[in-house]
Amino acid sequence: MIIDGDEVVLENEFPKTLSMADFQKELTDLPKYVVVDFDYTTTDGRPADKIILISWIPDSAKIKEKMKYSGTKEAVKSALQGIALNINATDLAECTESELIAACTKI
Protein backbone atom coordinates (compact mmCIF):
# COMPACT_ATOMS: atom_id res chain seq x y z
CA MET A 1 0.00 0.00 0.00
CA ILE A 2 1.16 3.49 -0.77
CA ILE A 3 0.02 6.96 0.17
CA ASP A 4 -1.58 8.65 -2.83
CA GLY A 5 -2.54 12.20 -1.95
CA ASP A 6 -4.58 11.92 1.24
CA GLU A 7 -5.38 8.21 0.92
CA VAL A 8 -3.61 4.94 1.51
CA VAL A 9 -4.29 2.79 -1.56
CA LEU A 10 -3.46 -0.74 -2.64
CA GLU A 11 -0.51 -0.63 -5.02
CA ASN A 12 -0.02 -4.32 -5.86
CA GLU A 13 -1.27 -7.72 -4.87
CA PHE A 14 0.91 -10.83 -5.08
CA PRO A 15 0.24 -14.55 -4.63
CA LYS A 16 1.13 -16.18 -1.34
CA THR A 17 3.57 -18.36 -3.30
CA LEU A 18 5.79 -15.36 -4.20
CA SER A 19 9.41 -16.13 -3.33
CA MET A 20 11.25 -14.05 -0.74
CA ALA A 21 13.73 -12.92 -3.43
CA ASP A 22 10.88 -11.65 -5.63
CA PHE A 23 9.23 -10.03 -2.62
CA GLN A 24 12.44 -8.14 -1.82
CA LYS A 25 12.62 -6.86 -5.42
CA GLU A 26 9.36 -5.02 -4.72
CA LEU A 27 10.98 -3.08 -1.88
CA THR A 28 12.44 -0.07 -3.65
CA ASP A 29 13.60 3.33 -2.42
CA LEU A 30 9.97 4.37 -2.04
CA PRO A 31 8.23 3.79 1.31
CA LYS A 32 5.18 1.54 1.47
CA TYR A 33 3.14 -0.64 3.75
CA VAL A 34 3.17 -4.35 2.98
CA VAL A 35 0.78 -6.93 4.43
CA VAL A 36 2.15 -10.47 4.32
CA ASP A 37 0.36 -13.74 5.10
CA PHE A 38 3.48 -15.53 6.32
CA ASP A 39 3.76 -19.30 6.84
CA TYR A 40 6.40 -20.57 9.27
CA THR A 41 7.12 -23.43 11.66
CA THR A 42 6.89 -22.83 15.40
CA THR A 43 9.76 -23.71 17.73
CA ASP A 44 7.97 -26.94 18.64
CA GLY A 45 7.58 -27.96 14.98
CA ARG A 46 3.96 -27.00 14.28
CA PRO A 47 3.02 -25.24 11.03
CA ALA A 48 1.56 -21.76 11.63
CA ASP A 49 0.93 -18.49 9.87
CA LYS A 50 0.63 -14.85 10.86
CA ILE A 51 -0.53 -11.72 9.12
CA ILE A 52 2.38 -9.26 9.26
CA LEU A 53 2.31 -5.53 8.54
CA ILE A 54 5.70 -4.38 7.30
CA SER A 55 6.25 -0.63 7.40
CA TRP A 56 8.89 -0.28 4.69
CA ILE A 57 10.53 3.12 5.16
CA PRO A 58 14.04 2.81 3.70
CA ASP A 59 16.87 5.02 4.88
CA SER A 60 17.33 6.15 1.27
CA ALA A 61 13.80 7.65 1.08
CA LYS A 62 13.32 11.40 1.11
CA ILE A 63 12.75 12.96 4.53
CA LYS A 64 9.26 14.20 3.59
CA GLU A 65 8.23 10.69 2.51
CA LYS A 66 9.65 9.15 5.69
CA MET A 67 7.67 11.56 7.83
CA LYS A 68 4.46 11.00 5.86
CA TYR A 69 4.64 7.21 6.20
CA SER A 70 5.78 7.25 9.82
CA GLY A 71 2.93 9.59 10.69
CA THR A 72 0.21 7.42 9.13
CA LYS A 73 1.48 4.00 10.26
CA GLU A 74 -0.72 3.75 13.35
CA ALA A 75 -3.83 4.73 11.38
CA VAL A 76 -3.08 2.06 8.78
CA LYS A 77 -2.39 -0.52 11.48
CA SER A 78 -5.66 0.20 13.28
CA ALA A 79 -7.67 0.12 10.02
CA LEU A 80 -6.47 -3.39 9.20
CA GLN A 81 -7.97 -6.28 11.14
CA GLY A 82 -6.07 -9.45 11.95
CA ILE A 83 -2.56 -7.99 12.01
CA ALA A 84 -0.60 -10.23 14.37
CA LEU A 85 2.78 -8.56 14.02
CA ASN A 86 4.14 -5.16 12.98
CA ILE A 87 7.67 -4.86 11.61
CA ASN A 88 9.43 -1.57 10.94
CA ALA A 89 12.01 -2.10 8.21
CA THR A 90 14.54 0.35 6.83
CA ASP A 91 16.70 -2.00 4.76
CA LEU A 92 16.43 -5.40 3.07
CA ALA A 93 18.29 -7.16 5.89
CA GLU A 94 15.22 -6.55 8.07
CA CYS A 95 12.91 -8.23 5.53
CA THR A 96 14.53 -11.62 5.12
CA GLU A 97 12.73 -14.89 5.71
CA SER A 98 14.90 -15.58 8.77
CA GLU A 99 14.02 -12.16 10.27
CA LEU A 100 10.31 -12.76 9.74
CA ILE A 101 10.55 -16.23 11.28
CA ALA A 102 12.47 -14.83 14.26
CA ALA A 103 9.80 -12.17 14.78
CA CYS A 104 6.97 -14.73 14.50
CA THR A 105 8.53 -17.17 16.96
CA LYS A 106 9.63 -14.55 19.51
CA ILE A 107 7.93 -15.05 22.87
PDB file of N, CA and C in Angstrom:
ATOM      1  N   MET A   1       0.847  -1.162   0.000  1.00  0.00           N
ATOM      2  CA  MET A   1       0.000   0.000   0.000  1.00  0.00           C
ATOM      3  C   MET A   1       0.898   1.230   0.000  1.00  0.00           C
ATOM      4  N   ILE A   2       0.423   2.233  -0.715  1.00  0.00           N
ATOM      5  CA  ILE A   2       1.160   3.485  -0.770  1.00  0.00           C
ATOM      6  C   ILE A   2       0.229   4.634  -0.410  1.00  0.00           C
ATOM      7  N   ILE A   3       0.805   5.764  -0.084  1.00  0.00           N
ATOM      8  CA  ILE A   3       0.020   6.962   0.168  1.00  0.00           C
ATOM      9  C   ILE A   3      -0.075   7.716  -1.146  1.00  0.00           C
ATOM     10  N   ASP A   4      -1.313   7.931  -1.595  1.00  0.00           N
ATOM     11  CA  ASP A   4      -1.584   8.650  -2.832  1.00  0.00           C
ATOM     12  C   ASP A   4      -2.442   9.847  -2.473  1.00  0.00           C
ATOM     13  N   GLY A   5      -1.825  11.010  -2.403  1.00  0.00           N
ATOM     14  CA  GLY A   5      -2.541  12.201  -1.953  1.00  0.00           C
ATOM     15  C   GLY A   5      -2.852  12.087  -0.476  1.00  0.00           C
ATOM     16  N   ASP A   6      -4.147  12.038  -0.158  1.00  0.00           N
ATOM     17  CA  ASP A   6      -4.584  11.920   1.237  1.00  0.00           C
ATOM     18  C   ASP A   6      -5.069  10.523   1.591  1.00  0.00           C
ATOM     19  N   GLU A   7      -4.870   9.556   0.699  1.00  0.00           N
ATOM     20  CA  GLU A   7      -5.377   8.209   0.924  1.00  0.00           C
ATOM     21  C   GLU A   7      -4.273   7.169   0.865  1.00  0.00           C
ATOM     22  N   VAL A   8      -4.479   6.108   1.608  1.00  0.00           N
ATOM     23  CA  VAL A   8      -3.613   4.937   1.512  1.00  0.00           C
ATOM     24  C   VAL A   8      -4.323   3.977   0.566  1.00  0.00           C
ATOM     25  N   VAL A   9      -3.660   3.626  -0.534  1.00  0.00           N
ATOM     26  CA  VAL A   9      -4.290   2.789  -1.560  1.00  0.00           C
ATOM     27  C   VAL A   9      -3.453   1.543  -1.816  1.00  0.00           C
ATOM     28  N   LEU A  10      -4.129   0.504  -2.296  1.00  0.00           N
ATOM     29  CA  LEU A  10      -3.462  -0.740  -2.640  1.00  0.00           C
ATOM     30  C   LEU A  10      -2.663  -0.535  -3.918  1.00  0.00           C
ATOM     31  N   GLU A  11      -1.373  -0.801  -3.856  1.00  0.00           N
ATOM     32  CA  GLU A  11      -0.508  -0.630  -5.024  1.00  0.00           C
ATOM     33  C   GLU A  11      -0.435  -1.920  -5.847  1.00  0.00           C
ATOM     34  N   ASN A  12      -0.162  -3.025  -5.203  1.00  0.00           N
ATOM     35  CA  ASN A  12      -0.017  -4.318  -5.864  1.00  0.00           C
ATOM     36  C   ASN A  12      -0.569  -5.411  -4.972  1.00  0.00           C
ATOM     37  N   GLU A  13      -0.874  -6.530  -5.609  1.00  0.00           N
ATOM     38  CA  GLU A  13      -1.268  -7.721  -4.874  1.00  0.00           C
ATOM     39  C   GLU A  13      -0.496  -8.888  -5.480  1.00  0.00           C
ATOM     40  N   PHE A  14       0.075  -9.725  -4.619  1.00  0.00           N
ATOM     41  CA  PHE A  14       0.905 -10.830  -5.076  1.00  0.00           C
ATOM     42  C   PHE A  14       0.400 -12.131  -4.488  1.00  0.00           C
ATOM     43  N   PRO A  15       0.663 -13.247  -5.180  1.00  0.00           N
ATOM     44  CA  PRO A  15       0.237 -14.545  -4.632  1.00  0.00           C
ATOM     45  C   PRO A  15       1.050 -14.906  -3.396  1.00  0.00           C
ATOM     46  N   LYS A  16       0.451 -15.733  -2.563  1.00  0.00           N
ATOM     47  CA  LYS A  16       1.126 -16.179  -1.341  1.00  0.00           C
ATOM     48  C   LYS A  16       2.379 -16.987  -1.669  1.00  0.00           C
ATOM     49  N   THR A  17       2.446 -17.528  -2.879  1.00  0.00           N
ATOM     50  CA  THR A  17       3.570 -18.357  -3.300  1.00  0.00           C
ATOM     51  C   THR A  17       4.765 -17.534  -3.787  1.00  0.00           C
ATOM     52  N   LEU A  18       4.679 -16.215  -3.754  1.00  0.00           N
ATOM     53  CA  LEU A  18       5.787 -15.362  -4.198  1.00  0.00           C
ATOM     54  C   LEU A  18       7.037 -15.651  -3.372  1.00  0.00           C
ATOM     55  N   SER A  19       8.162 -15.825  -4.045  1.00  0.00           N
ATOM     56  CA  SER A  19       9.407 -16.132  -3.329  1.00  0.00           C
ATOM     57  C   SER A  19       9.889 -14.907  -2.552  1.00  0.00           C
ATOM     58  N   MET A  20      10.703 -15.146  -1.548  1.00  0.00           N
ATOM     59  CA  MET A  20      11.247 -14.052  -0.743  1.00  0.00           C
ATOM     60  C   MET A  20      12.131 -13.144  -1.607  1.00  0.00           C
ATOM     61  N   ALA A  21      12.874 -13.718  -2.544  1.00  0.00           N
ATOM     62  CA  ALA A  21      13.726 -12.918  -3.426  1.00  0.00           C
ATOM     63  C   ALA A  21      12.872 -11.983  -4.290  1.00  0.00           C
ATOM     64  N   ASP A  22      11.766 -12.493  -4.826  1.00  0.00           N
ATOM     65  CA  ASP A  22      10.881 -11.652  -5.634  1.00  0.00           C
ATOM     66  C   ASP A  22      10.177 -10.609  -4.769  1.00  0.00           C
ATOM     67  N   PHE A  23       9.838 -10.980  -3.547  1.00  0.00           N
ATOM     68  CA  PHE A  23       9.235 -10.029  -2.618  1.00  0.00           C
ATOM     69  C   PHE A  23      10.187  -8.864  -2.356  1.00  0.00           C
ATOM     70  N   GLN A  24      11.462  -9.187  -2.115  1.00  0.00           N
ATOM     71  CA  GLN A  24      12.438  -8.137  -1.816  1.00  0.00           C
ATOM     72  C   GLN A  24      12.667  -7.209  -3.010  1.00  0.00           C
ATOM     73  N   LYS A  25      12.477  -7.715  -4.224  1.00  0.00           N
ATOM     74  CA  LYS A  25      12.619  -6.864  -5.416  1.00  0.00           C
ATOM     75  C   LYS A  25      11.563  -5.761  -5.445  1.00  0.00           C
ATOM     76  N   GLU A  26      10.442  -6.003  -4.775  1.00  0.00           N
ATOM     77  CA  GLU A  26       9.360  -5.015  -4.724  1.00  0.00           C
ATOM     78  C   GLU A  26       9.660  -3.884  -3.740  1.00  0.00           C
ATOM     79  N   LEU A  27      10.630  -4.089  -2.878  1.00  0.00           N
ATOM     80  CA  LEU A  27      10.978  -3.080  -1.879  1.00  0.00           C
ATOM     81  C   LEU A  27      12.031  -2.149  -2.466  1.00  0.00           C
ATOM     82  N   THR A  28      11.578  -1.033  -2.987  1.00  0.00           N
ATOM     83  CA  THR A  28      12.441  -0.069  -3.655  1.00  0.00           C
ATOM     84  C   THR A  28      12.807   1.056  -2.693  1.00  0.00           C
ATOM     85  N   ASP A  29      13.264   2.165  -3.230  1.00  0.00           N
ATOM     86  CA  ASP A  29      13.603   3.329  -2.421  1.00  0.00           C
ATOM     87  C   ASP A  29      12.368   4.098  -1.951  1.00  0.00           C
ATOM     88  N   LEU A  30      11.203   3.687  -2.422  1.00  0.00           N
ATOM     89  CA  LEU A  30       9.974   4.369  -2.037  1.00  0.00           C
ATOM     90  C   LEU A  30       9.309   3.660  -0.862  1.00  0.00           C
ATOM     91  N   PRO A  31       8.900   4.407   0.157  1.00  0.00           N
ATOM     92  CA  PRO A  31       8.235   3.789   1.309  1.00  0.00           C
ATOM     93  C   PRO A  31       6.903   3.162   0.907  1.00  0.00           C
ATOM     94  N   LYS A  32       6.481   2.182   1.672  1.00  0.00           N
ATOM     95  CA  LYS A  32       5.178   1.542   1.465  1.00  0.00           C
ATOM     96  C   LYS A  32       4.844   0.699   2.668  1.00  0.00           C
ATOM     97  N   TYR A  33       3.594   0.310   2.748  1.00  0.00           N
ATOM     98  CA  TYR A  33       3.140  -0.637   3.749  1.00  0.00           C
ATOM     99  C   TYR A  33       2.884  -1.948   3.028  1.00  0.00           C
ATOM    100  N   VAL A  34       3.339  -3.046   3.599  1.00  0.00           N
ATOM    101  CA  VAL A  34       3.174  -4.353   2.978  1.00  0.00           C
ATOM    102  C   VAL A  34       2.517  -5.287   4.000  1.00  0.00           C
ATOM    103  N   VAL A  35       1.444  -5.934   3.579  1.00  0.00           N
ATOM    104  CA  VAL A  35       0.782  -6.927   4.426  1.00  0.00           C
ATOM    105  C   VAL A  35       1.140  -8.299   3.868  1.00  0.00           C
ATOM    106  N   VAL A  36       1.676  -9.154   4.731  1.00  0.00           N
ATOM    107  CA  VAL A  36       2.152 -10.471   4.316  1.00  0.00           C
ATOM    108  C   VAL A  36       1.441 -11.548   5.132  1.00  0.00           C
ATOM    109  N   ASP A  37       0.901 -12.540   4.442  1.00  0.00           N
ATOM    110  CA  ASP A  37       0.361 -13.736   5.102  1.00  0.00           C
ATOM    111  C   ASP A  37       1.519 -14.727   5.106  1.00  0.00           C
ATOM    112  N   PHE A  38       2.197 -14.831   6.245  1.00  0.00           N
ATOM    113  CA  PHE A  38       3.478 -15.529   6.324  1.00  0.00           C
ATOM    114  C   PHE A  38       3.337 -16.887   6.997  1.00  0.00           C
ATOM    115  N   ASP A  39       3.741 -17.939   6.289  1.00  0.00           N
ATOM    116  CA  ASP A  39       3.763 -19.298   6.836  1.00  0.00           C
ATOM    117  C   ASP A  39       5.131 -19.574   7.446  1.00  0.00           C
ATOM    118  N   TYR A  40       5.142 -20.219   8.599  1.00  0.00           N
ATOM    119  CA  TYR A  40       6.397 -20.565   9.270  1.00  0.00           C
ATOM    120  C   TYR A  40       6.158 -21.782  10.147  1.00  0.00           C
ATOM    121  N   THR A  41       7.213 -22.301  10.739  1.00  0.00           N
ATOM    122  CA  THR A  41       7.118 -23.430  11.660  1.00  0.00           C
ATOM    123  C   THR A  41       7.475 -22.941  13.053  1.00  0.00           C
ATOM    124  N   THR A  42       6.641 -23.267  14.027  1.00  0.00           N
ATOM    125  CA  THR A  42       6.893 -22.831  15.395  1.00  0.00           C
ATOM    126  C   THR A  42       8.116 -23.557  15.964  1.00  0.00           C
ATOM    127  N   THR A  43       8.576 -23.103  17.113  1.00  0.00           N
ATOM    128  CA  THR A  43       9.760 -23.713  17.725  1.00  0.00           C
ATOM    129  C   THR A  43       9.524 -25.161  18.131  1.00  0.00           C
ATOM    130  N   ASP A  44       8.254 -25.533  18.306  1.00  0.00           N
ATOM    131  CA  ASP A  44       7.974 -26.935  18.636  1.00  0.00           C
ATOM    132  C   ASP A  44       7.539 -27.751  17.411  1.00  0.00           C
ATOM    133  N   GLY A  45       7.772 -27.201  16.203  1.00  0.00           N
ATOM    134  CA  GLY A  45       7.576 -27.957  14.980  1.00  0.00           C
ATOM    135  C   GLY A  45       6.204 -27.900  14.340  1.00  0.00           C
ATOM    136  N   ARG A  46       5.296 -27.096  14.870  1.00  0.00           N
ATOM    137  CA  ARG A  46       3.956 -27.001  14.282  1.00  0.00           C
ATOM    138  C   ARG A  46       3.917 -25.970  13.164  1.00  0.00           C
ATOM    139  N   PRO A  47       3.191 -26.252  12.072  1.00  0.00           N
ATOM    140  CA  PRO A  47       3.020 -25.236  11.033  1.00  0.00           C
ATOM    141  C   PRO A  47       2.085 -24.133  11.538  1.00  0.00           C
ATOM    142  N   ALA A  48       2.384 -22.897  11.193  1.00  0.00           N
ATOM    143  CA  ALA A  48       1.565 -21.764  11.629  1.00  0.00           C
ATOM    144  C   ALA A  48       1.675 -20.657  10.587  1.00  0.00           C
ATOM    145  N   ASP A  49       0.817 -19.674  10.717  1.00  0.00           N
ATOM    146  CA  ASP A  49       0.925 -18.492   9.872  1.00  0.00           C
ATOM    147  C   ASP A  49       0.479 -17.271  10.657  1.00  0.00           C
ATOM    148  N   LYS A  50       0.999 -16.122  10.243  1.00  0.00           N
ATOM    149  CA  LYS A  50       0.632 -14.850  10.856  1.00  0.00           C
ATOM    150  C   LYS A  50       0.496 -13.806   9.754  1.00  0.00           C
ATOM    151  N   ILE A  51      -0.399 -12.869   9.996  1.00  0.00           N
ATOM    152  CA  ILE A  51      -0.528 -11.716   9.116  1.00  0.00           C
ATOM    153  C   ILE A  51       0.410 -10.644   9.675  1.00  0.00           C
ATOM    154  N   ILE A  52       1.349 -10.215   8.836  1.00  0.00           N
ATOM    155  CA  ILE A  52       2.376  -9.264   9.263  1.00  0.00           C
ATOM    156  C   ILE A  52       2.223  -7.958   8.483  1.00  0.00           C
ATOM    157  N   LEU A  53       2.266  -6.844   9.179  1.00  0.00           N
ATOM    158  CA  LEU A  53       2.312  -5.531   8.541  1.00  0.00           C
ATOM    159  C   LEU A  53       3.763  -5.068   8.571  1.00  0.00           C
ATOM    160  N   ILE A  54       4.335  -4.895   7.400  1.00  0.00           N
ATOM    161  CA  ILE A  54       5.700  -4.376   7.302  1.00  0.00           C
ATOM    162  C   ILE A  54       5.615  -2.910   6.896  1.00  0.00           C
ATOM    163  N   SER A  55       6.146  -2.045   7.728  1.00  0.00           N
ATOM    164  CA  SER A  55       6.250  -0.626   7.397  1.00  0.00           C
ATOM    165  C   SER A  55       7.624  -0.436   6.759  1.00  0.00           C
ATOM    166  N   TRP A  56       7.642  -0.403   5.446  1.00  0.00           N
ATOM    167  CA  TRP A  56       8.894  -0.283   4.688  1.00  0.00           C
ATOM    168  C   TRP A  56       9.180   1.194   4.487  1.00  0.00           C
ATOM    169  N   ILE A  57      10.123   1.717   5.256  1.00  0.00           N
ATOM    170  CA  ILE A  57      10.528   3.122   5.157  1.00  0.00           C
ATOM    171  C   ILE A  57      12.056   3.128   5.077  1.00  0.00           C
ATOM    172  N   PRO A  58      12.592   2.956   3.852  1.00  0.00           N
ATOM    173  CA  PRO A  58      14.039   2.812   3.700  1.00  0.00           C
ATOM    174  C   PRO A  58      14.801   4.081   4.070  1.00  0.00           C
ATOM    175  N   ASP A  59      16.012   3.885   4.535  1.00  0.00           N
ATOM    176  CA  ASP A  59      16.874   5.017   4.882  1.00  0.00           C
ATOM    177  C   ASP A  59      17.110   5.940   3.694  1.00  0.00           C
ATOM    178  N   SER A  60      17.054   5.375   2.486  1.00  0.00           N
ATOM    179  CA  SER A  60      17.333   6.150   1.273  1.00  0.00           C
ATOM    180  C   SER A  60      16.148   7.004   0.816  1.00  0.00           C
ATOM    181  N   ALA A  61      14.988   6.869   1.458  1.00  0.00           N
ATOM    182  CA  ALA A  61      13.804   7.654   1.082  1.00  0.00           C
ATOM    183  C   ALA A  61      14.000   9.115   1.475  1.00  0.00           C
ATOM    184  N   LYS A  62      13.273   9.981   0.796  1.00  0.00           N
ATOM    185  CA  LYS A  62      13.324  11.403   1.106  1.00  0.00           C
ATOM    186  C   LYS A  62      12.698  11.644   2.478  1.00  0.00           C
ATOM    187  N   ILE A  63      13.202  12.637   3.171  1.00  0.00           N
ATOM    188  CA  ILE A  63      12.749  12.957   4.532  1.00  0.00           C
ATOM    189  C   ILE A  63      11.239  13.180   4.577  1.00  0.00           C
ATOM    190  N   LYS A  64      10.697  13.916   3.611  1.00  0.00           N
ATOM    191  CA  LYS A  64       9.262  14.200   3.592  1.00  0.00           C
ATOM    192  C   LYS A  64       8.456  12.905   3.487  1.00  0.00           C
ATOM    193  N   GLU A  65       8.914  11.969   2.659  1.00  0.00           N
ATOM    194  CA  GLU A  65       8.231  10.690   2.509  1.00  0.00           C
ATOM    195  C   GLU A  65       8.321   9.869   3.804  1.00  0.00           C
ATOM    196  N   LYS A  66       9.490   9.872   4.421  1.00  0.00           N
ATOM    197  CA  LYS A  66       9.654   9.146   5.687  1.00  0.00           C
ATOM    198  C   LYS A  66       8.677   9.661   6.741  1.00  0.00           C
ATOM    199  N   MET A  67       8.562  10.964   6.843  1.00  0.00           N
ATOM    200  CA  MET A  67       7.671  11.564   7.834  1.00  0.00           C
ATOM    201  C   MET A  67       6.213  11.238   7.530  1.00  0.00           C
ATOM    202  N   LYS A  68       5.838  11.281   6.250  1.00  0.00           N
ATOM    203  CA  LYS A  68       4.459  11.001   5.861  1.00  0.00           C
ATOM    204  C   LYS A  68       4.072   9.567   6.224  1.00  0.00           C
ATOM    205  N   TYR A  69       4.945   8.609   5.921  1.00  0.00           N
ATOM    206  CA  TYR A  69       4.640   7.205   6.196  1.00  0.00           C
ATOM    207  C   TYR A  69       4.724   6.891   7.693  1.00  0.00           C
ATOM    208  N   SER A  70       5.681   7.472   8.370  1.00  0.00           N
ATOM    209  CA  SER A  70       5.785   7.253   9.817  1.00  0.00           C
ATOM    210  C   SER A  70       4.570   7.816  10.544  1.00  0.00           C
ATOM    211  N   GLY A  71       4.073   8.938  10.060  1.00  0.00           N
ATOM    212  CA  GLY A  71       2.935   9.594  10.693  1.00  0.00           C
ATOM    213  C   GLY A  71       1.603   8.898  10.463  1.00  0.00           C
ATOM    214  N   THR A  72       1.482   8.095   9.425  1.00  0.00           N
ATOM    215  CA  THR A  72       0.214   7.422   9.130  1.00  0.00           C
ATOM    216  C   THR A  72       0.223   5.938   9.502  1.00  0.00           C
ATOM    217  N   LYS A  73       1.357   5.435   9.966  1.00  0.00           N
ATOM    218  CA  LYS A  73       1.484   4.002  10.256  1.00  0.00           C
ATOM    219  C   LYS A  73       0.441   3.500  11.246  1.00  0.00           C
ATOM    220  N   GLU A  74       0.232   4.212  12.333  1.00  0.00           N
ATOM    221  CA  GLU A  74      -0.720   3.754  13.348  1.00  0.00           C
ATOM    222  C   GLU A  74      -2.144   3.736  12.806  1.00  0.00           C
ATOM    223  N   ALA A  75      -2.488   4.709  11.966  1.00  0.00           N
ATOM    224  CA  ALA A  75      -3.831   4.734  11.377  1.00  0.00           C
ATOM    225  C   ALA A  75      -4.028   3.540  10.442  1.00  0.00           C
ATOM    226  N   VAL A  76      -3.006   3.216   9.677  1.00  0.00           N
ATOM    227  CA  VAL A  76      -3.078   2.058   8.781  1.00  0.00           C
ATOM    228  C   VAL A  76      -3.203   0.786   9.606  1.00  0.00           C
ATOM    229  N   LYS A  77      -2.379   0.670  10.622  1.00  0.00           N
ATOM    230  CA  LYS A  77      -2.385  -0.522  11.476  1.00  0.00           C
ATOM    231  C   LYS A  77      -3.748  -0.728  12.129  1.00  0.00           C
ATOM    232  N   SER A  78      -4.367   0.334  12.612  1.00  0.00           N
ATOM    233  CA  SER A  78      -5.662   0.198  13.279  1.00  0.00           C
ATOM    234  C   SER A  78      -6.795  -0.055  12.282  1.00  0.00           C
ATOM    235  N   ALA A  79      -6.629   0.343  11.033  1.00  0.00           N
ATOM    236  CA  ALA A  79      -7.666   0.120  10.021  1.00  0.00           C
ATOM    237  C   ALA A  79      -7.673  -1.320   9.512  1.00  0.00           C
ATOM    238  N   LEU A  80      -6.576  -2.015   9.673  1.00  0.00           N
ATOM    239  CA  LEU A  80      -6.470  -3.393   9.197  1.00  0.00           C
ATOM    240  C   LEU A  80      -6.759  -4.348  10.344  1.00  0.00           C
ATOM    241  N   GLN A  81      -7.645  -5.298  10.110  1.00  0.00           N
ATOM    242  CA  GLN A  81      -7.970  -6.280  11.141  1.00  0.00           C
ATOM    243  C   GLN A  81      -7.151  -7.543  10.931  1.00  0.00           C
ATOM    244  N   GLY A  82      -6.777  -8.174  12.026  1.00  0.00           N
ATOM    245  CA  GLY A  82      -6.072  -9.445  11.949  1.00  0.00           C
ATOM    246  C   GLY A  82      -4.568  -9.343  11.882  1.00  0.00           C
ATOM    247  N   ILE A  83      -4.011  -8.152  12.032  1.00  0.00           N
ATOM    248  CA  ILE A  83      -2.561  -7.991  12.013  1.00  0.00           C
ATOM    249  C   ILE A  83      -2.002  -8.557  13.313  1.00  0.00           C
ATOM    250  N   ALA A  84      -1.177  -9.587  13.183  1.00  0.00           N
ATOM    251  CA  ALA A  84      -0.602 -10.228  14.367  1.00  0.00           C
ATOM    252  C   ALA A  84       0.740  -9.624  14.753  1.00  0.00           C
ATOM    253  N   LEU A  85       1.410  -9.014  13.792  1.00  0.00           N
ATOM    254  CA  LEU A  85       2.775  -8.557  14.022  1.00  0.00           C
ATOM    255  C   LEU A  85       3.045  -7.335  13.157  1.00  0.00           C
ATOM    256  N   ASN A  86       3.754  -6.363  13.717  1.00  0.00           N
ATOM    257  CA  ASN A  86       4.144  -5.165  12.980  1.00  0.00           C
ATOM    258  C   ASN A  86       5.664  -5.098  12.956  1.00  0.00           C
ATOM    259  N   ILE A  87       6.221  -4.960  11.761  1.00  0.00           N
ATOM    260  CA  ILE A  87       7.674  -4.859  11.614  1.00  0.00           C
ATOM    261  C   ILE A  87       8.008  -3.540  10.946  1.00  0.00           C
ATOM    262  N   ASN A  88       8.923  -2.796  11.546  1.00  0.00           N
ATOM    263  CA  ASN A  88       9.434  -1.568  10.944  1.00  0.00           C
ATOM    264  C   ASN A  88      10.748  -1.909  10.268  1.00  0.00           C
ATOM    265  N   ALA A  89      10.813  -1.733   8.954  1.00  0.00           N
ATOM    266  CA  ALA A  89      12.015  -2.101   8.209  1.00  0.00           C
ATOM    267  C   ALA A  89      12.565  -0.902   7.457  1.00  0.00           C
ATOM    268  N   THR A  90      13.882  -0.749   7.539  1.00  0.00           N
ATOM    269  CA  THR A  90      14.539   0.352   6.834  1.00  0.00           C
ATOM    270  C   THR A  90      15.530  -0.144   5.782  1.00  0.00           C
ATOM    271  N   ASP A  91      15.878  -1.424   5.823  1.00  0.00           N
ATOM    272  CA  ASP A  91      16.701  -1.999   4.759  1.00  0.00           C
ATOM    273  C   ASP A  91      16.344  -3.470   4.554  1.00  0.00           C
ATOM    274  N   LEU A  92      16.819  -4.041   3.450  1.00  0.00           N
ATOM    275  CA  LEU A  92      16.427  -5.397   3.065  1.00  0.00           C
ATOM    276  C   LEU A  92      16.821  -6.450   4.099  1.00  0.00           C
ATOM    277  N   ALA A  93      17.852  -6.199   4.876  1.00  0.00           N
ATOM    278  CA  ALA A  93      18.289  -7.164   5.890  1.00  0.00           C
ATOM    279  C   ALA A  93      17.202  -7.381   6.949  1.00  0.00           C
ATOM    280  N   GLU A  94      16.299  -6.423   7.098  1.00  0.00           N
ATOM    281  CA  GLU A  94      15.222  -6.546   8.073  1.00  0.00           C
ATOM    282  C   GLU A  94      13.977  -7.215   7.485  1.00  0.00           C
ATOM    283  N   CYS A  95      14.043  -7.586   6.214  1.00  0.00           N
ATOM    284  CA  CYS A  95      12.906  -8.227   5.531  1.00  0.00           C
ATOM    285  C   CYS A  95      13.298  -9.570   4.931  1.00  0.00           C
ATOM    286  N   THR A  96      14.157 -10.290   5.599  1.00  0.00           N
ATOM    287  CA  THR A  96      14.527 -11.620   5.124  1.00  0.00           C
ATOM    288  C   THR A  96      13.589 -12.648   5.745  1.00  0.00           C
ATOM    289  N   GLU A  97      13.575 -13.821   5.166  1.00  0.00           N
ATOM    290  CA  GLU A  97      12.734 -14.887   5.711  1.00  0.00           C
ATOM    291  C   GLU A  97      13.136 -15.221   7.148  1.00  0.00           C
ATOM    292  N   SER A  98      14.442 -15.259   7.412  1.00  0.00           N
ATOM    293  CA  SER A  98      14.901 -15.584   8.765  1.00  0.00           C
ATOM    294  C   SER A  98      14.483 -14.506   9.772  1.00  0.00           C
ATOM    295  N   GLU A  99      14.466 -13.240   9.370  1.00  0.00           N
ATOM    296  CA  GLU A  99      14.022 -12.164  10.266  1.00  0.00           C
ATOM    297  C   GLU A  99      12.529 -12.275  10.558  1.00  0.00           C
ATOM    298  N   LEU A 100      11.747 -12.608   9.539  1.00  0.00           N
ATOM    299  CA  LEU A 100      10.307 -12.759   9.743  1.00  0.00           C
ATOM    300  C   LEU A 100      10.000 -13.953  10.638  1.00  0.00           C
ATOM    301  N   ILE A 101      10.730 -15.052  10.422  1.00  0.00           N
ATOM    302  CA  ILE A 101      10.551 -16.234  11.283  1.00  0.00           C
ATOM    303  C   ILE A 101      10.922 -15.899  12.722  1.00  0.00           C
ATOM    304  N   ALA A 102      12.038 -15.211  12.907  1.00  0.00           N
ATOM    305  CA  ALA A 102      12.466 -14.831  14.262  1.00  0.00           C
ATOM    306  C   ALA A 102      11.418 -13.967  14.946  1.00  0.00           C
ATOM    307  N   ALA A 103      10.826 -13.036  14.196  1.00  0.00           N
ATOM    308  CA  ALA A 103       9.796 -12.171  14.781  1.00  0.00           C
ATOM    309  C   ALA A 103       8.531 -12.959  15.119  1.00  0.00           C
ATOM    310  N   CYS A 104       8.181 -13.913  14.271  1.00  0.00           N
ATOM    311  CA  CYS A 104       6.970 -14.726  14.503  1.00  0.00           C
ATOM    312  C   CYS A 104       7.126 -15.675  15.689  1.00  0.00           C
ATOM    313  N   THR A 105       8.320 -16.181  15.901  1.00  0.00           N
ATOM    314  CA  THR A 105       8.529 -17.169  16.965  1.00  0.00           C
ATOM    315  C   THR A 105       9.009 -16.551  18.272  1.00  0.00           C
ATOM    316  N   LYS A 106       9.203 -15.236  18.286  1.00  0.00           N
ATOM    317  CA  LYS A 106       9.630 -14.554  19.507  1.00  0.00           C
ATOM    318  C   LYS A 106       8.537 -14.649  20.565  1.00  0.00           C
ATOM    319  N   ILE A 107       8.922 -14.921  21.772  1.00  0.00           N
ATOM    320  CA  ILE A 107       7.929 -15.051  22.868  1.00  0.00           C
ATOM    321  C   ILE A 107       7.824 -13.749  23.609  1.00  0.00           C
TER     322      ILE A 107
END
